Protein backbone atom coordinates (compact mmCIF):
# COMPACT_ATOMS: atom_id res chain seq x y z
CA UNK A 1 97.90 -46.36 15.79
CA UNK A 2 97.32 -42.54 14.46
CA UNK A 3 100.01 -41.22 17.30
CA UNK A 4 102.60 -43.91 16.15
CA UNK A 5 102.36 -42.53 12.39
CA UNK A 6 102.92 -39.13 13.42
CA UNK A 7 105.82 -40.02 15.80
CA UNK A 8 107.42 -41.67 12.93
CA UNK A 9 106.57 -38.74 10.79
CA UNK A 10 107.90 -36.27 12.99
CA UNK A 11 111.48 -38.60 13.37
CA UNK A 12 111.81 -38.76 9.70
CA UNK A 13 111.36 -34.89 9.09
CA UNK A 14 114.20 -34.54 12.15
CA UNK A 15 116.44 -36.88 10.54
CA UNK A 16 116.41 -34.64 7.38
CA UNK A 17 116.89 -31.64 9.12
CA UNK A 18 119.79 -32.96 11.42
CA UNK A 19 121.11 -35.13 8.32
CA UNK A 20 120.03 -34.13 4.80
CA UNK A 21 121.18 -36.52 2.18
CA UNK A 22 122.05 -33.74 -0.32
CA UNK A 23 123.32 -31.27 2.27
CA UNK A 24 125.84 -31.15 5.19
CA UNK A 25 124.42 -28.66 7.35
CA UNK A 26 126.43 -26.71 9.80
CA UNK A 27 124.80 -27.78 13.61
CA UNK A 28 121.99 -25.67 14.80
CA UNK A 29 121.74 -23.76 11.43
CA UNK A 30 118.16 -23.14 11.59
CA UNK A 31 118.36 -21.80 15.23
CA UNK A 32 120.85 -18.94 14.79
CA UNK A 33 119.40 -15.36 15.11
CA UNK A 34 120.96 -14.05 12.04
CA UNK A 35 119.62 -14.17 8.45
CA UNK A 36 122.60 -13.59 6.65
CA UNK A 37 124.46 -16.28 8.36
CA UNK A 38 121.83 -18.64 7.90
CA UNK A 39 121.54 -18.00 4.02
CA UNK A 40 125.49 -18.13 4.01
CA UNK A 41 125.62 -21.35 5.46
CA UNK A 42 123.21 -23.05 3.32
CA UNK A 43 124.67 -21.35 0.36
CA UNK A 44 128.10 -22.75 1.33
CA UNK A 45 126.69 -26.26 2.16
CA UNK A 46 124.84 -26.30 -1.84
CA UNK A 47 127.91 -25.43 -3.26
CA UNK A 48 130.12 -28.00 -1.38
CA UNK A 49 127.57 -30.91 -1.87
CA UNK A 50 128.68 -33.62 -4.49
CA UNK A 51 125.02 -35.44 -3.68
CA UNK A 52 122.58 -32.73 -4.42
CA UNK A 53 120.29 -33.20 -7.66
CA UNK A 54 119.46 -29.78 -8.29
CA UNK A 55 121.32 -26.33 -8.62
CA UNK A 56 122.64 -25.04 -5.48
CA UNK A 57 120.08 -22.20 -4.82
CA UNK A 58 117.32 -24.55 -5.15
CA UNK A 59 118.85 -27.26 -2.80
CA UNK A 60 119.84 -24.66 -0.10
CA UNK A 61 115.85 -23.14 -0.60
CA UNK A 62 114.33 -26.41 -0.50
CA UNK A 63 116.08 -27.33 2.99
CA UNK A 64 115.25 -23.81 4.55
CA UNK A 65 111.42 -24.22 3.06
CA UNK A 66 111.28 -27.98 4.10
CA UNK A 67 112.39 -26.77 7.71
CA UNK A 68 110.19 -23.97 7.94
CA UNK A 69 107.12 -26.16 6.66
CA UNK A 70 108.12 -28.91 8.84
CA UNK A 71 108.39 -26.90 12.14
CA UNK A 72 104.95 -25.80 11.52
CA UNK A 73 103.00 -24.32 14.53
CA UNK A 74 105.83 -25.06 17.12
CA UNK A 75 108.31 -22.80 15.58
CA UNK A 76 108.71 -19.52 17.47
CA UNK A 77 107.54 -16.45 15.63
CA UNK A 78 110.52 -14.42 16.17
CA UNK A 79 112.59 -17.40 14.46
CA UNK A 80 110.11 -17.70 11.81
CA UNK A 81 110.61 -14.18 10.71
CA UNK A 82 114.10 -14.81 11.11
CA UNK A 83 114.11 -17.61 8.60
CA UNK A 84 111.93 -16.16 6.52
CA UNK A 85 114.32 -13.03 6.25
CA UNK A 86 117.05 -15.71 5.46
CA UNK A 87 114.79 -16.47 2.22
CA UNK A 88 115.27 -13.04 1.00
CA UNK A 89 119.32 -13.09 1.96
CA UNK A 90 119.74 -16.34 0.00
CA UNK A 91 117.73 -15.16 -2.70
CA UNK A 92 120.17 -11.87 -2.74
CA UNK A 93 123.28 -14.06 -2.40
CA UNK A 94 122.23 -15.93 -5.70
CA UNK A 95 121.08 -12.60 -7.55
CA UNK A 96 117.46 -13.67 -7.62
């Protein structure tokens, strides 16, 4: 039973990552190797969205943090570093 629940949780988070209700993400954005490109894509998605409930910065940062947290131990260490750098780039793009 616990396996079933974990499986559905995984599918839920995967669905959020693939098709966010608040942001239309570019395909594979979290697998890219350029933190600046990731941050720019998230910013563009957040600013174009008419469905987000918070500021563009918060929406973009929330999606990035969500992905990092949900990927957890399965996230390659190099990619995790790139995504952490993307957080800094996103802050820079919004002058924060």
